[in-house]
Amino acid sequence: MTPTTLAGPAPAGRTDHHTFIAIEGPPGAGGAALADTLGTALGCTPIAGRAESIRLDARAGYGLGLAGLLRADALVKRQRSAGPVIVHTWAAGVAADGAVIYRADGSRLSAQVAEYRAVLEEPTVTVHLTASARTLRDRLSAQQVLSADDRGWLTRRAALERIAEAHVALALEADPRRAIVVDIDGCGSRSVVDVVLAGLQAREIGVVDAA
């Protein structure tokens, strides 16, 4: 699998004057909780990119239905024109997730997503959460209430192993100038937040005390 990061100069029409933080990570990594914490720190309501995201057509060719991603992008543009934006799961992570779920060609899916880079908002910084499949399984199993999607990740054969590897690949290819990578194995949620906040402050992205 060869995921893509949507890097490069922002084309005209993007609303780059306010901070846009994307959080990429496999199910069970705590991305949604981190988005909520950073939303409090930045004074904004996170957008659930995974919920709005690409739905992959499982028929021959694995065509991408990009309406969901474009809908999420419209929400980002609307919020970013007024203030900072946080999205849990953006384009590269959505393609990685879909490739694992449908056993599709990750390179092909990422290339199709990349065709939309001229219209998609470019994150100011992307937070990449990585973890072992064992950590993801332990975290998901410990949750009292599981969504249907999360139950699927636990029950699909080798799905957590594949998605863990996919997100490590995303983190490895990310531009370090625009990425914060956190390996959550053995880390508490507070430690993850502290690492991310320190990374944002190092990039002069202002936050308030998120304790």
N, C-alpha and C. Protein backbone atom coordinates (compact mmCIF):
# COMPACT_ATOMS: atom_id res chain seq x y z
N MET A 1 0.84 -1.20 0.00
CA MET A 1 0.00 0.00 0.00
C MET A 1 0.88 1.25 0.00
N THR A 2 0.58 2.18 -0.85
CA THR A 2 1.31 3.43 -0.89
C THR A 2 0.34 4.58 -0.69
N PRO A 3 0.13 4.99 0.58
CA PRO A 3 -0.78 6.11 0.82
C PRO A 3 -0.19 7.40 0.30
N THR A 4 -0.98 8.43 0.24
CA THR A 4 -0.49 9.71 -0.22
C THR A 4 -0.73 10.78 0.82
N THR A 5 0.18 11.73 0.88
CA THR A 5 -0.07 12.92 1.67
C THR A 5 -0.32 14.05 0.69
N LEU A 6 -1.25 14.91 1.00
CA LEU A 6 -1.62 15.97 0.07
C LEU A 6 -0.79 17.20 0.38
N ALA A 7 0.44 17.20 -0.09
CA ALA A 7 1.38 18.28 0.22
C ALA A 7 1.52 19.21 -0.97
N GLY A 8 2.28 20.29 -0.75
CA GLY A 8 2.53 21.21 -1.85
C GLY A 8 1.86 22.54 -1.62
N PRO A 9 2.16 23.54 -2.47
CA PRO A 9 1.58 24.86 -2.30
C PRO A 9 0.07 24.84 -2.47
N ALA A 10 -0.59 25.71 -1.75
CA ALA A 10 -2.04 25.76 -1.81
C ALA A 10 -2.51 26.49 -3.05
N PRO A 11 -3.34 25.86 -3.87
CA PRO A 11 -3.88 26.54 -5.04
C PRO A 11 -4.81 27.68 -4.63
N ALA A 12 -5.06 28.56 -5.58
CA ALA A 12 -5.98 29.68 -5.32
C ALA A 12 -7.35 29.14 -4.96
N GLY A 13 -8.02 29.85 -4.07
CA GLY A 13 -9.35 29.44 -3.67
C GLY A 13 -9.41 28.77 -2.33
N ARG A 14 -8.27 28.29 -1.81
CA ARG A 14 -8.27 27.69 -0.49
C ARG A 14 -8.27 28.79 0.57
N THR A 15 -8.80 28.43 1.74
CA THR A 15 -8.93 29.41 2.81
C THR A 15 -7.84 29.17 3.85
N ASP A 16 -6.57 29.40 3.46
CA ASP A 16 -5.45 29.01 4.30
C ASP A 16 -5.10 29.98 5.41
N HIS A 17 -5.92 31.00 5.64
CA HIS A 17 -5.52 32.01 6.60
C HIS A 17 -5.81 31.61 8.05
N HIS A 18 -6.51 30.49 8.30
CA HIS A 18 -6.70 30.00 9.66
C HIS A 18 -6.15 28.58 9.75
N THR A 19 -5.73 28.20 10.95
CA THR A 19 -5.12 26.90 11.18
C THR A 19 -6.08 25.75 10.85
N PHE A 20 -5.55 24.74 10.18
CA PHE A 20 -6.30 23.52 9.88
C PHE A 20 -5.43 22.35 10.33
N ILE A 21 -5.88 21.63 11.35
CA ILE A 21 -5.17 20.48 11.89
C ILE A 21 -5.91 19.21 11.50
N ALA A 22 -5.24 18.31 10.83
CA ALA A 22 -5.81 17.00 10.49
C ALA A 22 -5.20 15.96 11.42
N ILE A 23 -6.02 15.05 11.91
CA ILE A 23 -5.54 13.96 12.76
C ILE A 23 -5.77 12.66 12.02
N GLU A 24 -4.68 11.95 11.77
CA GLU A 24 -4.75 10.66 11.10
C GLU A 24 -4.31 9.57 12.07
N GLY A 25 -5.06 8.50 12.13
CA GLY A 25 -4.69 7.40 13.00
C GLY A 25 -5.66 6.25 12.84
N PRO A 26 -5.23 5.04 13.15
CA PRO A 26 -6.10 3.87 13.01
C PRO A 26 -7.18 3.84 14.08
N PRO A 27 -8.25 3.07 13.87
CA PRO A 27 -9.29 2.94 14.88
C PRO A 27 -8.70 2.45 16.20
N GLY A 28 -9.10 3.07 17.31
CA GLY A 28 -8.58 2.69 18.61
C GLY A 28 -7.39 3.51 19.06
N ALA A 29 -6.88 4.38 18.18
CA ALA A 29 -5.70 5.17 18.52
C ALA A 29 -6.03 6.41 19.34
N GLY A 30 -7.31 6.73 19.46
CA GLY A 30 -7.70 7.88 20.26
C GLY A 30 -7.77 9.18 19.49
N GLY A 31 -7.89 9.10 18.17
CA GLY A 31 -7.91 10.31 17.36
C GLY A 31 -9.11 11.20 17.64
N ALA A 32 -10.28 10.60 17.85
CA ALA A 32 -11.48 11.40 18.11
C ALA A 32 -11.36 12.15 19.43
N ALA A 33 -10.84 11.46 20.46
CA ALA A 33 -10.66 12.11 21.76
C ALA A 33 -9.63 13.22 21.68
N LEU A 34 -8.56 12.98 20.92
CA LEU A 34 -7.54 14.01 20.73
C LEU A 34 -8.13 15.21 20.00
N ALA A 35 -8.96 14.95 19.00
CA ALA A 35 -9.60 16.05 18.27
C ALA A 35 -10.46 16.89 19.21
N ASP A 36 -11.19 16.24 20.11
CA ASP A 36 -12.02 16.98 21.06
C ASP A 36 -11.16 17.84 21.98
N THR A 37 -10.03 17.28 22.46
CA THR A 37 -9.15 18.03 23.35
C THR A 37 -8.53 19.23 22.64
N LEU A 38 -8.06 19.01 21.42
CA LEU A 38 -7.48 20.12 20.66
C LEU A 38 -8.55 21.14 20.27
N GLY A 39 -9.77 20.66 20.04
CA GLY A 39 -10.86 21.59 19.75
C GLY A 39 -11.09 22.54 20.91
N THR A 40 -11.04 22.00 22.13
CA THR A 40 -11.16 22.86 23.32
C THR A 40 -9.99 23.83 23.39
N ALA A 41 -8.79 23.33 23.08
CA ALA A 41 -7.60 24.18 23.15
C ALA A 41 -7.63 25.31 22.13
N LEU A 42 -8.18 25.02 20.96
CA LEU A 42 -8.21 26.02 19.89
C LEU A 42 -9.54 26.76 19.80
N GLY A 43 -10.51 26.32 20.60
CA GLY A 43 -11.80 27.00 20.59
C GLY A 43 -12.63 26.72 19.37
N CYS A 44 -12.64 25.45 18.92
CA CYS A 44 -13.44 25.09 17.75
C CYS A 44 -14.03 23.71 17.93
N THR A 45 -15.04 23.39 17.12
CA THR A 45 -15.68 22.08 17.16
C THR A 45 -15.10 21.19 16.07
N PRO A 46 -14.51 20.04 16.43
CA PRO A 46 -13.91 19.17 15.41
C PRO A 46 -14.92 18.63 14.41
N ILE A 47 -14.44 18.38 13.20
CA ILE A 47 -15.23 17.74 12.15
C ILE A 47 -14.83 16.27 12.09
N ALA A 48 -15.81 15.38 12.09
CA ALA A 48 -15.53 13.95 12.02
C ALA A 48 -15.34 13.55 10.57
N GLY A 49 -14.12 13.65 10.08
CA GLY A 49 -13.84 13.35 8.68
C GLY A 49 -14.18 11.93 8.30
N ARG A 50 -13.97 10.98 9.23
CA ARG A 50 -14.26 9.58 8.90
C ARG A 50 -15.76 9.39 8.66
N ALA A 51 -16.59 10.09 9.43
CA ALA A 51 -18.03 9.95 9.27
C ALA A 51 -18.51 10.54 7.95
N GLU A 52 -17.85 11.59 7.49
CA GLU A 52 -18.24 12.26 6.24
C GLU A 52 -17.51 11.70 5.03
N SER A 53 -16.64 10.73 5.26
CA SER A 53 -15.57 10.46 4.32
C SER A 53 -15.96 9.64 3.09
N ILE A 54 -14.92 9.33 2.33
CA ILE A 54 -15.07 8.55 1.11
C ILE A 54 -15.73 7.21 1.40
N ARG A 55 -16.67 6.82 0.57
CA ARG A 55 -17.19 5.46 0.62
C ARG A 55 -16.70 4.75 -0.64
N LEU A 56 -16.02 3.64 -0.43
CA LEU A 56 -15.41 2.92 -1.56
C LEU A 56 -16.41 1.96 -2.17
N ASP A 57 -16.43 1.93 -3.48
CA ASP A 57 -17.28 1.00 -4.21
C ASP A 57 -16.55 -0.34 -4.27
N ALA A 58 -17.11 -1.37 -3.68
CA ALA A 58 -16.44 -2.67 -3.62
C ALA A 58 -16.55 -3.48 -4.91
N ARG A 59 -17.21 -2.93 -5.92
CA ARG A 59 -17.30 -3.65 -7.20
C ARG A 59 -15.99 -3.54 -7.96
N ALA A 60 -15.91 -4.22 -9.08
CA ALA A 60 -14.67 -4.23 -9.87
C ALA A 60 -14.21 -2.81 -10.16
N GLY A 61 -12.94 -2.54 -9.95
CA GLY A 61 -12.39 -1.22 -10.21
C GLY A 61 -12.29 -0.36 -8.96
N TYR A 62 -13.03 -0.70 -7.92
CA TYR A 62 -12.96 0.04 -6.65
C TYR A 62 -13.09 1.55 -6.87
N GLY A 63 -14.10 1.94 -7.66
CA GLY A 63 -14.31 3.36 -7.90
C GLY A 63 -14.58 4.11 -6.62
N LEU A 64 -14.08 5.32 -6.54
CA LEU A 64 -14.25 6.12 -5.33
C LEU A 64 -15.50 6.99 -5.44
N GLY A 65 -16.36 6.91 -4.44
CA GLY A 65 -17.45 7.86 -4.32
C GLY A 65 -16.97 9.01 -3.47
N LEU A 66 -16.58 10.11 -4.07
CA LEU A 66 -15.90 11.18 -3.35
C LEU A 66 -16.85 12.22 -2.77
N ALA A 67 -18.15 11.99 -2.88
CA ALA A 67 -19.09 12.99 -2.38
C ALA A 67 -18.89 13.26 -0.90
N GLY A 68 -18.61 12.21 -0.11
CA GLY A 68 -18.42 12.39 1.32
C GLY A 68 -17.22 13.25 1.65
N LEU A 69 -16.11 13.00 0.96
CA LEU A 69 -14.90 13.79 1.21
C LEU A 69 -15.11 15.25 0.82
N LEU A 70 -15.77 15.46 -0.30
CA LEU A 70 -16.03 16.83 -0.73
C LEU A 70 -17.00 17.53 0.21
N ARG A 71 -17.93 16.77 0.80
CA ARG A 71 -18.84 17.35 1.78
C ARG A 71 -18.07 17.78 3.03
N ALA A 72 -17.13 16.92 3.47
CA ALA A 72 -16.29 17.28 4.62
C ALA A 72 -15.43 18.49 4.29
N ASP A 73 -14.93 18.55 3.06
CA ASP A 73 -14.10 19.68 2.65
C ASP A 73 -14.90 20.98 2.68
N ALA A 74 -16.18 20.90 2.29
CA ALA A 74 -17.03 22.10 2.33
C ALA A 74 -17.20 22.58 3.76
N LEU A 75 -17.31 21.65 4.71
CA LEU A 75 -17.40 22.04 6.11
C LEU A 75 -16.11 22.70 6.59
N VAL A 76 -14.97 22.13 6.16
CA VAL A 76 -13.67 22.71 6.53
C VAL A 76 -13.56 24.14 5.99
N LYS A 77 -13.90 24.34 4.73
CA LYS A 77 -13.81 25.67 4.13
C LYS A 77 -14.69 26.67 4.88
N ARG A 78 -15.90 26.23 5.23
CA ARG A 78 -16.82 27.12 5.91
C ARG A 78 -16.27 27.54 7.28
N GLN A 79 -15.77 26.56 8.03
CA GLN A 79 -15.24 26.88 9.36
C GLN A 79 -13.93 27.64 9.28
N ARG A 80 -13.09 27.28 8.30
CA ARG A 80 -11.75 27.88 8.23
C ARG A 80 -11.79 29.35 7.83
N SER A 81 -12.85 29.76 7.20
CA SER A 81 -12.96 31.17 6.84
C SER A 81 -13.17 32.04 8.08
N ALA A 82 -13.60 31.40 9.18
CA ALA A 82 -13.88 32.15 10.41
C ALA A 82 -12.91 31.87 11.54
N GLY A 83 -12.24 30.70 11.52
CA GLY A 83 -11.35 30.36 12.62
C GLY A 83 -10.68 29.02 12.39
N PRO A 84 -9.98 28.51 13.40
CA PRO A 84 -9.24 27.24 13.25
C PRO A 84 -10.16 26.05 13.06
N VAL A 85 -9.64 25.01 12.43
CA VAL A 85 -10.41 23.81 12.13
C VAL A 85 -9.59 22.57 12.50
N ILE A 86 -10.27 21.59 13.07
CA ILE A 86 -9.66 20.29 13.35
C ILE A 86 -10.52 19.21 12.70
N VAL A 87 -9.89 18.29 11.98
CA VAL A 87 -10.60 17.18 11.37
C VAL A 87 -9.96 15.87 11.81
N HIS A 88 -10.79 14.97 12.30
CA HIS A 88 -10.31 13.63 12.62
C HIS A 88 -10.50 12.75 11.39
N THR A 89 -9.41 12.41 10.74
CA THR A 89 -9.31 11.61 9.52
C THR A 89 -9.57 12.45 8.27
N TRP A 90 -8.50 12.70 7.52
CA TRP A 90 -8.59 13.46 6.28
C TRP A 90 -8.31 12.52 5.11
N ALA A 91 -7.98 13.06 3.97
CA ALA A 91 -8.01 12.29 2.73
C ALA A 91 -7.08 11.08 2.73
N ALA A 92 -5.83 11.25 3.16
CA ALA A 92 -4.89 10.13 3.10
C ALA A 92 -5.32 9.00 4.02
N GLY A 93 -5.79 9.35 5.22
CA GLY A 93 -6.24 8.32 6.14
C GLY A 93 -7.48 7.60 5.66
N VAL A 94 -8.39 8.33 5.03
CA VAL A 94 -9.60 7.72 4.48
C VAL A 94 -9.25 6.71 3.40
N ALA A 95 -8.30 7.06 2.53
CA ALA A 95 -7.89 6.14 1.47
C ALA A 95 -7.23 4.90 2.07
N ALA A 96 -6.40 5.09 3.10
CA ALA A 96 -5.75 3.96 3.75
C ALA A 96 -6.78 3.03 4.39
N ASP A 97 -7.76 3.62 5.10
CA ASP A 97 -8.80 2.82 5.73
C ASP A 97 -9.57 2.02 4.68
N GLY A 98 -9.96 2.70 3.60
CA GLY A 98 -10.75 2.03 2.57
C GLY A 98 -10.00 0.90 1.90
N ALA A 99 -8.70 1.12 1.68
CA ALA A 99 -7.91 0.08 1.03
C ALA A 99 -7.85 -1.18 1.89
N VAL A 100 -7.78 -1.00 3.21
CA VAL A 100 -7.75 -2.16 4.11
C VAL A 100 -9.11 -2.83 4.16
N ILE A 101 -10.17 -2.04 4.32
CA ILE A 101 -11.51 -2.61 4.45
C ILE A 101 -11.88 -3.43 3.23
N TYR A 102 -11.58 -2.89 2.03
CA TYR A 102 -12.02 -3.54 0.80
C TYR A 102 -10.90 -4.32 0.11
N ARG A 103 -9.72 -4.39 0.80
CA ARG A 103 -8.57 -5.09 0.20
C ARG A 103 -8.30 -4.57 -1.21
N ALA A 104 -8.40 -3.27 -1.34
CA ALA A 104 -8.19 -2.64 -2.64
C ALA A 104 -6.72 -2.27 -2.81
N ASP A 105 -6.39 -1.79 -3.99
CA ASP A 105 -5.04 -1.35 -4.29
C ASP A 105 -4.83 0.03 -3.67
N GLY A 106 -4.03 0.08 -2.60
CA GLY A 106 -3.84 1.34 -1.89
C GLY A 106 -3.23 2.42 -2.74
N SER A 107 -2.28 2.06 -3.62
CA SER A 107 -1.65 3.04 -4.49
C SER A 107 -2.66 3.67 -5.44
N ARG A 108 -3.54 2.83 -5.97
CA ARG A 108 -4.55 3.32 -6.91
C ARG A 108 -5.55 4.25 -6.21
N LEU A 109 -5.99 3.86 -5.01
CA LEU A 109 -6.94 4.68 -4.29
C LEU A 109 -6.32 6.02 -3.90
N SER A 110 -5.08 5.98 -3.44
CA SER A 110 -4.40 7.21 -3.06
C SER A 110 -4.22 8.14 -4.26
N ALA A 111 -3.92 7.55 -5.41
CA ALA A 111 -3.75 8.36 -6.62
C ALA A 111 -5.07 9.04 -6.98
N GLN A 112 -6.18 8.31 -6.82
CA GLN A 112 -7.47 8.91 -7.14
C GLN A 112 -7.80 10.07 -6.19
N VAL A 113 -7.48 9.88 -4.91
CA VAL A 113 -7.70 10.95 -3.95
C VAL A 113 -6.83 12.15 -4.30
N ALA A 114 -5.59 11.89 -4.67
CA ALA A 114 -4.65 12.98 -4.97
C ALA A 114 -5.12 13.85 -6.13
N GLU A 115 -5.94 13.29 -7.02
CA GLU A 115 -6.46 14.08 -8.13
C GLU A 115 -7.30 15.26 -7.64
N TYR A 116 -7.79 15.17 -6.42
CA TYR A 116 -8.66 16.21 -5.88
C TYR A 116 -7.89 17.24 -5.05
N ARG A 117 -6.56 17.15 -5.03
CA ARG A 117 -5.77 18.04 -4.17
C ARG A 117 -5.93 19.51 -4.55
N ALA A 118 -6.30 19.79 -5.81
CA ALA A 118 -6.45 21.18 -6.23
C ALA A 118 -7.65 21.85 -5.56
N VAL A 119 -8.59 21.06 -5.06
CA VAL A 119 -9.77 21.65 -4.45
C VAL A 119 -9.86 21.39 -2.95
N LEU A 120 -9.13 20.39 -2.46
CA LEU A 120 -9.19 20.07 -1.04
C LEU A 120 -8.35 21.04 -0.22
N GLU A 121 -8.84 21.36 0.98
CA GLU A 121 -8.06 22.17 1.89
C GLU A 121 -6.79 21.43 2.31
N GLU A 122 -5.69 22.17 2.43
CA GLU A 122 -4.41 21.60 2.84
C GLU A 122 -4.21 21.83 4.33
N PRO A 123 -4.02 20.78 5.13
CA PRO A 123 -3.80 20.99 6.55
C PRO A 123 -2.54 21.82 6.83
N THR A 124 -2.65 22.68 7.83
CA THR A 124 -1.47 23.40 8.30
C THR A 124 -0.48 22.41 8.88
N VAL A 125 -0.99 21.45 9.64
CA VAL A 125 -0.18 20.39 10.22
C VAL A 125 -1.06 19.15 10.34
N THR A 126 -0.44 17.98 10.16
CA THR A 126 -1.14 16.71 10.32
C THR A 126 -0.54 15.96 11.49
N VAL A 127 -1.38 15.52 12.40
CA VAL A 127 -0.95 14.70 13.52
C VAL A 127 -1.16 13.24 13.13
N HIS A 128 -0.07 12.48 13.11
CA HIS A 128 -0.14 11.05 12.77
C HIS A 128 0.01 10.23 14.04
N LEU A 129 -1.03 9.49 14.39
CA LEU A 129 -0.98 8.57 15.52
C LEU A 129 -0.68 7.17 14.99
N THR A 130 0.32 6.53 15.55
CA THR A 130 0.64 5.17 15.15
C THR A 130 0.59 4.26 16.37
N ALA A 131 0.35 2.97 16.13
CA ALA A 131 0.25 2.01 17.22
C ALA A 131 0.37 0.61 16.66
N SER A 132 0.72 -0.32 17.52
CA SER A 132 0.74 -1.73 17.13
C SER A 132 -0.69 -2.25 17.08
N ALA A 133 -0.89 -3.32 16.35
CA ALA A 133 -2.22 -3.94 16.28
C ALA A 133 -2.66 -4.40 17.67
N ARG A 134 -1.71 -4.87 18.47
CA ARG A 134 -2.06 -5.33 19.82
C ARG A 134 -2.62 -4.18 20.66
N THR A 135 -1.97 -3.02 20.58
CA THR A 135 -2.47 -1.86 21.33
C THR A 135 -3.86 -1.47 20.86
N LEU A 136 -4.06 -1.46 19.55
CA LEU A 136 -5.37 -1.09 19.01
C LEU A 136 -6.44 -2.08 19.47
N ARG A 137 -6.11 -3.36 19.45
CA ARG A 137 -7.07 -4.38 19.87
C ARG A 137 -7.41 -4.23 21.35
N ASP A 138 -6.39 -4.00 22.17
CA ASP A 138 -6.62 -3.82 23.61
C ASP A 138 -7.50 -2.61 23.88
N ARG A 139 -7.23 -1.52 23.18
CA ARG A 139 -8.00 -0.29 23.40
C ARG A 139 -9.45 -0.44 22.96
N LEU A 140 -9.65 -1.04 21.80
CA LEU A 140 -11.01 -1.24 21.32
C LEU A 140 -11.78 -2.21 22.21
N SER A 141 -11.11 -3.27 22.64
CA SER A 141 -11.78 -4.27 23.48
C SER A 141 -12.17 -3.70 24.84
N ALA A 142 -11.44 -2.68 25.29
CA ALA A 142 -11.71 -2.09 26.60
C ALA A 142 -12.87 -1.10 26.58
N GLN A 143 -13.31 -0.70 25.39
CA GLN A 143 -14.39 0.27 25.30
C GLN A 143 -15.73 -0.38 25.67
N GLN A 144 -16.50 0.30 26.49
CA GLN A 144 -17.79 -0.24 26.91
C GLN A 144 -18.82 -0.23 25.79
N VAL A 145 -18.73 0.78 24.93
CA VAL A 145 -19.65 0.88 23.80
C VAL A 145 -18.83 0.96 22.52
N LEU A 146 -19.07 0.03 21.61
CA LEU A 146 -18.36 0.00 20.34
C LEU A 146 -19.31 0.32 19.20
N SER A 147 -18.85 1.15 18.27
CA SER A 147 -19.63 1.40 17.07
C SER A 147 -19.57 0.17 16.17
N ALA A 148 -20.46 0.13 15.21
CA ALA A 148 -20.46 -0.99 14.26
C ALA A 148 -19.14 -1.04 13.50
N ASP A 149 -18.60 0.13 13.15
CA ASP A 149 -17.32 0.17 12.44
C ASP A 149 -16.21 -0.42 13.29
N ASP A 150 -16.16 -0.04 14.57
CA ASP A 150 -15.10 -0.54 15.44
C ASP A 150 -15.24 -2.04 15.67
N ARG A 151 -16.47 -2.54 15.78
CA ARG A 151 -16.66 -3.98 15.90
C ARG A 151 -16.14 -4.69 14.65
N GLY A 152 -16.33 -4.04 13.51
CA GLY A 152 -15.82 -4.62 12.27
C GLY A 152 -14.31 -4.73 12.27
N TRP A 153 -13.63 -3.69 12.77
CA TRP A 153 -12.17 -3.73 12.83
C TRP A 153 -11.69 -4.87 13.73
N LEU A 154 -12.43 -5.13 14.81
CA LEU A 154 -12.04 -6.20 15.73
C LEU A 154 -12.29 -7.59 15.15
N THR A 155 -13.31 -7.72 14.33
CA THR A 155 -13.70 -9.05 13.86
C THR A 155 -13.14 -9.42 12.50
N ARG A 156 -12.80 -8.42 11.67
CA ARG A 156 -12.22 -8.76 10.36
C ARG A 156 -10.83 -9.37 10.55
N ARG A 157 -10.58 -10.43 9.86
CA ARG A 157 -9.30 -11.13 9.99
C ARG A 157 -8.14 -10.23 9.58
N ALA A 158 -7.19 -10.03 10.49
CA ALA A 158 -5.95 -9.27 10.25
C ALA A 158 -6.19 -7.82 9.89
N ALA A 159 -7.42 -7.31 10.10
CA ALA A 159 -7.70 -5.92 9.71
C ALA A 159 -6.88 -4.93 10.53
N LEU A 160 -6.76 -5.17 11.84
CA LEU A 160 -6.01 -4.23 12.68
C LEU A 160 -4.52 -4.26 12.34
N GLU A 161 -4.01 -5.42 11.99
CA GLU A 161 -2.61 -5.49 11.59
C GLU A 161 -2.37 -4.68 10.32
N ARG A 162 -3.30 -4.79 9.35
CA ARG A 162 -3.13 -4.07 8.09
C ARG A 162 -3.29 -2.57 8.27
N ILE A 163 -4.27 -2.16 9.08
CA ILE A 163 -4.48 -0.72 9.23
C ILE A 163 -3.36 -0.10 10.07
N ALA A 164 -2.83 -0.84 11.03
CA ALA A 164 -1.69 -0.33 11.80
C ALA A 164 -0.50 -0.09 10.88
N GLU A 165 -0.23 -1.04 9.99
CA GLU A 165 0.88 -0.89 9.04
C GLU A 165 0.63 0.28 8.09
N ALA A 166 -0.61 0.45 7.65
CA ALA A 166 -0.93 1.53 6.71
C ALA A 166 -0.66 2.89 7.33
N HIS A 167 -0.99 3.06 8.60
CA HIS A 167 -0.80 4.36 9.23
C HIS A 167 0.66 4.61 9.60
N VAL A 168 1.42 3.56 9.85
CA VAL A 168 2.86 3.73 10.01
C VAL A 168 3.46 4.22 8.69
N ALA A 169 3.00 3.66 7.58
CA ALA A 169 3.49 4.10 6.27
C ALA A 169 3.14 5.56 6.02
N LEU A 170 1.94 5.97 6.37
CA LEU A 170 1.56 7.38 6.23
C LEU A 170 2.49 8.29 7.02
N ALA A 171 2.79 7.89 8.25
CA ALA A 171 3.65 8.70 9.10
C ALA A 171 5.07 8.79 8.55
N LEU A 172 5.56 7.68 8.01
CA LEU A 172 6.93 7.66 7.50
C LEU A 172 7.11 8.54 6.28
N GLU A 173 6.07 8.66 5.45
CA GLU A 173 6.22 9.45 4.24
C GLU A 173 5.81 10.91 4.42
N ALA A 174 5.32 11.25 5.61
CA ALA A 174 4.85 12.61 5.86
C ALA A 174 6.01 13.61 5.88
N ASP A 175 5.75 14.82 5.41
CA ASP A 175 6.72 15.90 5.45
C ASP A 175 6.91 16.32 6.91
N PRO A 176 8.11 16.14 7.50
CA PRO A 176 8.30 16.45 8.92
C PRO A 176 8.05 17.90 9.27
N ARG A 177 8.11 18.78 8.27
CA ARG A 177 7.84 20.20 8.55
C ARG A 177 6.36 20.45 8.79
N ARG A 178 5.52 19.52 8.33
CA ARG A 178 4.07 19.71 8.44
C ARG A 178 3.40 18.56 9.17
N ALA A 179 4.19 17.79 9.92
CA ALA A 179 3.63 16.60 10.57
C ALA A 179 4.14 16.47 12.00
N ILE A 180 3.27 15.97 12.86
CA ILE A 180 3.62 15.58 14.22
C ILE A 180 3.29 14.10 14.33
N VAL A 181 4.29 13.27 14.59
CA VAL A 181 4.09 11.81 14.66
C VAL A 181 4.19 11.37 16.11
N VAL A 182 3.18 10.64 16.57
CA VAL A 182 3.16 10.15 17.95
C VAL A 182 2.88 8.65 17.95
N ASP A 183 3.82 7.86 18.46
CA ASP A 183 3.60 6.43 18.65
C ASP A 183 2.92 6.26 20.01
N ILE A 184 1.68 5.80 20.01
CA ILE A 184 0.91 5.76 21.25
C ILE A 184 1.16 4.50 22.07
N ASP A 185 1.93 3.56 21.58
CA ASP A 185 2.19 2.34 22.36
C ASP A 185 2.81 2.71 23.71
N GLY A 186 2.16 2.33 24.78
CA GLY A 186 2.67 2.60 26.11
C GLY A 186 2.44 4.01 26.60
N CYS A 187 1.73 4.83 25.83
CA CYS A 187 1.50 6.23 26.22
C CYS A 187 0.07 6.42 26.73
N GLY A 188 -0.08 7.20 27.77
CA GLY A 188 -1.40 7.59 28.22
C GLY A 188 -1.92 8.72 27.36
N SER A 189 -3.21 8.96 27.44
CA SER A 189 -3.82 10.01 26.61
C SER A 189 -3.24 11.37 26.93
N ARG A 190 -2.92 11.62 28.20
CA ARG A 190 -2.36 12.92 28.58
C ARG A 190 -0.99 13.12 27.95
N SER A 191 -0.19 12.04 27.90
CA SER A 191 1.13 12.14 27.29
C SER A 191 1.03 12.46 25.81
N VAL A 192 0.06 11.85 25.12
CA VAL A 192 -0.14 12.11 23.70
C VAL A 192 -0.51 13.57 23.49
N VAL A 193 -1.44 14.06 24.30
CA VAL A 193 -1.86 15.45 24.19
C VAL A 193 -0.68 16.38 24.40
N ASP A 194 0.13 16.10 25.40
CA ASP A 194 1.29 16.96 25.69
C ASP A 194 2.26 17.01 24.52
N VAL A 195 2.51 15.86 23.88
CA VAL A 195 3.42 15.82 22.74
C VAL A 195 2.85 16.64 21.58
N VAL A 196 1.57 16.50 21.34
CA VAL A 196 0.94 17.22 20.23
C VAL A 196 0.93 18.73 20.51
N LEU A 197 0.56 19.12 21.72
CA LEU A 197 0.55 20.54 22.05
C LEU A 197 1.93 21.15 21.93
N ALA A 198 2.96 20.40 22.36
CA ALA A 198 4.33 20.90 22.24
C ALA A 198 4.71 21.07 20.77
N GLY A 199 4.27 20.12 19.93
CA GLY A 199 4.54 20.23 18.50
C GLY A 199 3.85 21.41 17.86
N LEU A 200 2.61 21.67 18.28
CA LEU A 200 1.88 22.83 17.76
C LEU A 200 2.54 24.13 18.19
N GLN A 201 2.95 24.19 19.45
CA GLN A 201 3.59 25.41 19.94
C GLN A 201 4.93 25.65 19.26
N ALA A 202 5.66 24.57 18.96
CA ALA A 202 6.92 24.71 18.23
C ALA A 202 6.72 25.28 16.85
N ARG A 203 5.54 25.04 16.29
CA ARG A 203 5.18 25.59 14.97
C ARG A 203 4.43 26.91 15.09
N GLU A 204 4.41 27.45 16.30
CA GLU A 204 3.77 28.74 16.58
C GLU A 204 2.28 28.72 16.25
N ILE A 205 1.65 27.56 16.51
CA ILE A 205 0.20 27.45 16.39
C ILE A 205 -0.34 27.61 17.81
N GLY A 206 -1.01 28.71 18.07
CA GLY A 206 -1.39 29.07 19.42
C GLY A 206 -2.50 28.19 19.97
N VAL A 207 -2.31 27.73 21.20
CA VAL A 207 -3.33 26.97 21.92
C VAL A 207 -3.41 27.51 23.33
N VAL A 208 -4.54 27.26 23.98
CA VAL A 208 -4.68 27.60 25.39
C VAL A 208 -4.45 26.33 26.19
N ASP A 209 -4.40 26.44 27.50
CA ASP A 209 -4.16 25.29 28.36
C ASP A 209 -5.26 24.27 28.16
N ALA A 210 -4.89 23.07 27.73
CA ALA A 210 -5.87 22.03 27.45
C ALA A 210 -5.97 21.02 28.58
N ALA A 211 -5.45 21.37 29.75
CA ALA A 211 -5.48 20.42 30.88
C ALA A 211 -6.90 20.17 31.33
